[in-house]
Amino acid sequence: MAAIASQTRDNGVFEICVVPDNLGRVTIGQPLHLSVLSPDVWIALVEAHFVVEKYSQPSPTSLTIVVKNVCIEQMNPNDR
């Protein structure tokens, strides 16, 4: 996440699947979704590096997180 934040200069959107995939084991013999975490964990991970404008869970399987154009690492600590 820190690497993504360090390269981000504009607003961004994370679209995250929060359940294991169905095709990886069938097609390549291993899961495609390597970081299956709960929505709360994903939000905390993103908030550690970005200013989160909003988030929603449009379905039980996905999470959308919208971030502002300032990453936490570039902010003045007094503005966090």
N, C-alpha and C. Protein backbone atom coordinates (compact mmCIF):
# COMPACT_ATOMS: atom_id res chain seq x y z
N MET A 1 0.82 -1.18 0.00
CA MET A 1 0.00 0.00 0.00
C MET A 1 0.87 1.24 0.00
N ALA A 2 1.98 1.22 0.74
CA ALA A 2 2.88 2.38 0.77
C ALA A 2 3.43 2.68 -0.61
N ALA A 3 3.76 1.64 -1.37
CA ALA A 3 4.29 1.85 -2.72
C ALA A 3 3.24 2.49 -3.63
N ILE A 4 2.00 2.07 -3.51
CA ILE A 4 0.92 2.67 -4.30
C ILE A 4 0.75 4.13 -3.89
N ALA A 5 0.74 4.38 -2.59
CA ALA A 5 0.55 5.75 -2.09
C ALA A 5 1.66 6.67 -2.57
N SER A 6 2.89 6.17 -2.59
CA SER A 6 4.01 7.02 -2.98
C SER A 6 3.96 7.41 -4.45
N GLN A 7 3.23 6.66 -5.26
CA GLN A 7 3.13 6.95 -6.69
C GLN A 7 1.82 7.62 -7.08
N THR A 8 0.95 7.86 -6.11
CA THR A 8 -0.37 8.41 -6.38
C THR A 8 -0.34 9.93 -6.25
N ARG A 9 -0.78 10.61 -7.31
CA ARG A 9 -0.81 12.07 -7.28
C ARG A 9 -2.23 12.62 -7.47
N ASP A 10 -3.15 11.78 -7.88
CA ASP A 10 -4.53 12.19 -8.10
C ASP A 10 -5.45 11.37 -7.21
N ASN A 11 -6.73 11.66 -7.29
CA ASN A 11 -7.72 10.85 -6.58
C ASN A 11 -7.65 9.43 -7.10
N GLY A 12 -8.14 8.49 -6.30
CA GLY A 12 -8.09 7.11 -6.73
C GLY A 12 -9.26 6.31 -6.22
N VAL A 13 -9.44 5.16 -6.81
CA VAL A 13 -10.51 4.24 -6.40
C VAL A 13 -9.90 2.85 -6.28
N PHE A 14 -10.14 2.22 -5.15
CA PHE A 14 -9.78 0.83 -4.97
C PHE A 14 -11.06 0.01 -5.08
N GLU A 15 -11.06 -0.97 -5.94
CA GLU A 15 -12.18 -1.91 -6.07
C GLU A 15 -11.62 -3.26 -5.63
N ILE A 16 -12.07 -3.74 -4.48
CA ILE A 16 -11.46 -4.88 -3.83
C ILE A 16 -12.47 -6.01 -3.67
N CYS A 17 -12.08 -7.20 -4.07
CA CYS A 17 -12.90 -8.39 -3.84
C CYS A 17 -12.58 -8.91 -2.45
N VAL A 18 -13.59 -9.19 -1.66
CA VAL A 18 -13.38 -9.60 -0.27
C VAL A 18 -13.71 -11.07 -0.01
N VAL A 19 -13.80 -11.84 -1.09
CA VAL A 19 -14.05 -13.28 -0.97
C VAL A 19 -13.06 -14.04 -1.87
N PRO A 20 -12.80 -15.29 -1.56
CA PRO A 20 -11.92 -16.08 -2.43
C PRO A 20 -12.50 -16.22 -3.83
N ASP A 21 -11.61 -16.32 -4.82
CA ASP A 21 -12.07 -16.48 -6.20
C ASP A 21 -12.44 -17.93 -6.47
N ASN A 22 -13.18 -18.15 -7.56
CA ASN A 22 -13.61 -19.50 -7.93
C ASN A 22 -12.80 -20.11 -9.06
N LEU A 23 -12.07 -19.29 -9.81
CA LEU A 23 -11.42 -19.79 -11.02
C LEU A 23 -9.95 -20.15 -10.86
N GLY A 24 -9.26 -19.57 -9.93
CA GLY A 24 -7.83 -19.78 -9.82
C GLY A 24 -7.42 -21.24 -9.68
N ARG A 25 -8.06 -21.94 -8.79
CA ARG A 25 -7.71 -23.36 -8.59
C ARG A 25 -8.01 -24.19 -9.82
N VAL A 26 -9.06 -23.81 -10.54
CA VAL A 26 -9.44 -24.55 -11.74
C VAL A 26 -8.49 -24.25 -12.90
N THR A 27 -8.14 -22.97 -13.08
CA THR A 27 -7.35 -22.58 -14.25
C THR A 27 -5.84 -22.69 -14.07
N ILE A 28 -5.34 -22.31 -12.89
CA ILE A 28 -3.88 -22.35 -12.70
C ILE A 28 -3.46 -23.16 -11.48
N GLY A 29 -4.42 -23.74 -10.80
CA GLY A 29 -4.10 -24.60 -9.67
C GLY A 29 -3.83 -23.89 -8.35
N GLN A 30 -4.08 -22.59 -8.31
CA GLN A 30 -3.90 -21.85 -7.07
C GLN A 30 -4.81 -20.62 -7.07
N PRO A 31 -5.08 -20.07 -5.90
CA PRO A 31 -6.00 -18.92 -5.83
C PRO A 31 -5.44 -17.69 -6.55
N LEU A 32 -6.35 -16.93 -7.13
CA LEU A 32 -5.99 -15.66 -7.76
C LEU A 32 -6.01 -14.51 -6.75
N HIS A 33 -6.91 -14.58 -5.79
CA HIS A 33 -7.03 -13.54 -4.77
C HIS A 33 -6.11 -13.91 -3.61
N LEU A 34 -4.96 -13.27 -3.54
CA LEU A 34 -3.96 -13.64 -2.54
C LEU A 34 -4.14 -12.94 -1.21
N SER A 35 -4.86 -11.85 -1.19
CA SER A 35 -5.08 -11.10 0.05
C SER A 35 -6.57 -10.95 0.31
N VAL A 36 -7.21 -12.03 0.69
CA VAL A 36 -8.64 -11.99 1.00
C VAL A 36 -8.78 -11.58 2.46
N LEU A 37 -9.21 -10.34 2.65
CA LEU A 37 -9.36 -9.77 3.98
C LEU A 37 -10.76 -9.19 4.12
N SER A 38 -11.18 -8.95 5.35
CA SER A 38 -12.50 -8.37 5.58
C SER A 38 -12.52 -6.91 5.14
N PRO A 39 -13.71 -6.37 4.85
CA PRO A 39 -13.80 -4.95 4.50
C PRO A 39 -13.18 -4.03 5.55
N ASP A 40 -13.40 -4.32 6.83
CA ASP A 40 -12.83 -3.47 7.89
C ASP A 40 -11.31 -3.45 7.84
N VAL A 41 -10.70 -4.59 7.57
CA VAL A 41 -9.24 -4.65 7.49
C VAL A 41 -8.74 -3.86 6.28
N TRP A 42 -9.42 -4.02 5.13
CA TRP A 42 -9.01 -3.27 3.94
C TRP A 42 -9.13 -1.77 4.16
N ILE A 43 -10.20 -1.34 4.78
CA ILE A 43 -10.39 0.10 5.03
C ILE A 43 -9.26 0.62 5.92
N ALA A 44 -8.92 -0.12 6.96
CA ALA A 44 -7.83 0.30 7.85
C ALA A 44 -6.49 0.35 7.11
N LEU A 45 -6.24 -0.62 6.25
CA LEU A 45 -4.99 -0.63 5.48
C LEU A 45 -4.90 0.59 4.56
N VAL A 46 -6.00 0.90 3.90
CA VAL A 46 -6.00 2.05 2.99
C VAL A 46 -5.90 3.35 3.78
N GLU A 47 -6.62 3.44 4.89
CA GLU A 47 -6.59 4.67 5.71
C GLU A 47 -5.19 4.94 6.29
N ALA A 48 -4.37 3.92 6.41
CA ALA A 48 -3.02 4.10 6.92
C ALA A 48 -2.13 4.85 5.93
N HIS A 49 -2.55 4.90 4.65
CA HIS A 49 -1.72 5.50 3.62
C HIS A 49 -2.40 6.59 2.81
N PHE A 50 -3.71 6.67 2.87
CA PHE A 50 -4.47 7.62 2.07
C PHE A 50 -5.51 8.33 2.92
N VAL A 51 -6.00 9.45 2.43
CA VAL A 51 -7.17 10.10 3.01
C VAL A 51 -8.37 9.48 2.32
N VAL A 52 -9.17 8.74 3.07
CA VAL A 52 -10.33 8.06 2.49
C VAL A 52 -11.50 9.03 2.45
N GLU A 53 -12.01 9.25 1.24
CA GLU A 53 -13.14 10.15 1.06
C GLU A 53 -14.45 9.44 1.38
N LYS A 54 -14.58 8.22 0.86
CA LYS A 54 -15.77 7.42 1.16
C LYS A 54 -15.50 5.98 0.79
N TYR A 55 -16.35 5.11 1.31
CA TYR A 55 -16.27 3.70 0.95
C TYR A 55 -17.67 3.11 0.98
N SER A 56 -17.85 2.04 0.23
CA SER A 56 -19.13 1.36 0.19
C SER A 56 -18.90 -0.10 -0.14
N GLN A 57 -19.87 -0.90 0.19
CA GLN A 57 -19.83 -2.31 -0.17
C GLN A 57 -21.04 -2.59 -1.06
N PRO A 58 -20.84 -2.38 -2.39
CA PRO A 58 -21.97 -2.51 -3.32
C PRO A 58 -22.55 -3.91 -3.42
N SER A 59 -21.78 -4.91 -3.01
CA SER A 59 -22.27 -6.29 -2.98
C SER A 59 -21.54 -7.01 -1.85
N PRO A 60 -22.00 -8.19 -1.47
CA PRO A 60 -21.32 -8.94 -0.40
C PRO A 60 -19.89 -9.35 -0.77
N THR A 61 -19.56 -9.29 -2.06
CA THR A 61 -18.24 -9.75 -2.49
C THR A 61 -17.25 -8.63 -2.78
N SER A 62 -17.72 -7.37 -2.82
CA SER A 62 -16.81 -6.30 -3.23
C SER A 62 -16.86 -5.10 -2.29
N LEU A 63 -15.77 -4.36 -2.31
CA LEU A 63 -15.62 -3.15 -1.51
C LEU A 63 -15.03 -2.08 -2.40
N THR A 64 -15.61 -0.89 -2.38
CA THR A 64 -15.11 0.24 -3.14
C THR A 64 -14.64 1.31 -2.16
N ILE A 65 -13.39 1.76 -2.33
CA ILE A 65 -12.84 2.80 -1.47
C ILE A 65 -12.35 3.94 -2.37
N VAL A 66 -12.85 5.14 -2.12
CA VAL A 66 -12.45 6.32 -2.88
C VAL A 66 -11.50 7.13 -2.00
N VAL A 67 -10.32 7.45 -2.55
CA VAL A 67 -9.32 8.20 -1.80
C VAL A 67 -9.09 9.58 -2.43
N LYS A 68 -8.74 10.53 -1.58
CA LYS A 68 -8.42 11.88 -2.06
C LYS A 68 -7.02 11.90 -2.63
N ASN A 69 -6.67 13.02 -3.20
CA ASN A 69 -5.41 13.14 -3.93
C ASN A 69 -4.18 13.33 -3.05
N VAL A 70 -4.30 13.21 -1.76
CA VAL A 70 -3.15 13.38 -0.87
C VAL A 70 -2.91 12.07 -0.14
N CYS A 71 -1.69 11.56 -0.23
CA CYS A 71 -1.38 10.36 0.54
C CYS A 71 -0.87 10.76 1.91
N ILE A 72 -1.09 9.94 2.90
CA ILE A 72 -0.75 10.23 4.29
C ILE A 72 0.73 10.57 4.44
N GLU A 73 1.60 9.85 3.74
CA GLU A 73 3.03 10.07 3.87
C GLU A 73 3.45 11.47 3.46
N GLN A 74 2.67 12.14 2.61
CA GLN A 74 3.01 13.47 2.13
C GLN A 74 2.33 14.58 2.93
N MET A 75 1.49 14.21 3.88
CA MET A 75 0.75 15.21 4.64
C MET A 75 1.55 15.72 5.84
N ASN A 76 1.27 16.95 6.21
CA ASN A 76 1.77 17.50 7.46
C ASN A 76 1.08 16.73 8.59
N PRO A 77 1.81 16.23 9.59
CA PRO A 77 1.18 15.47 10.68
C PRO A 77 0.04 16.21 11.37
N ASN A 78 0.09 17.54 11.39
CA ASN A 78 -0.98 18.32 12.03
C ASN A 78 -2.27 18.34 11.22
N ASP A 79 -2.20 17.96 9.95
CA ASP A 79 -3.38 17.98 9.07
C ASP A 79 -4.06 16.63 8.96
N ARG A 80 -3.54 15.61 9.61
CA ARG A 80 -4.10 14.26 9.48
C ARG A 80 -5.37 14.09 10.24
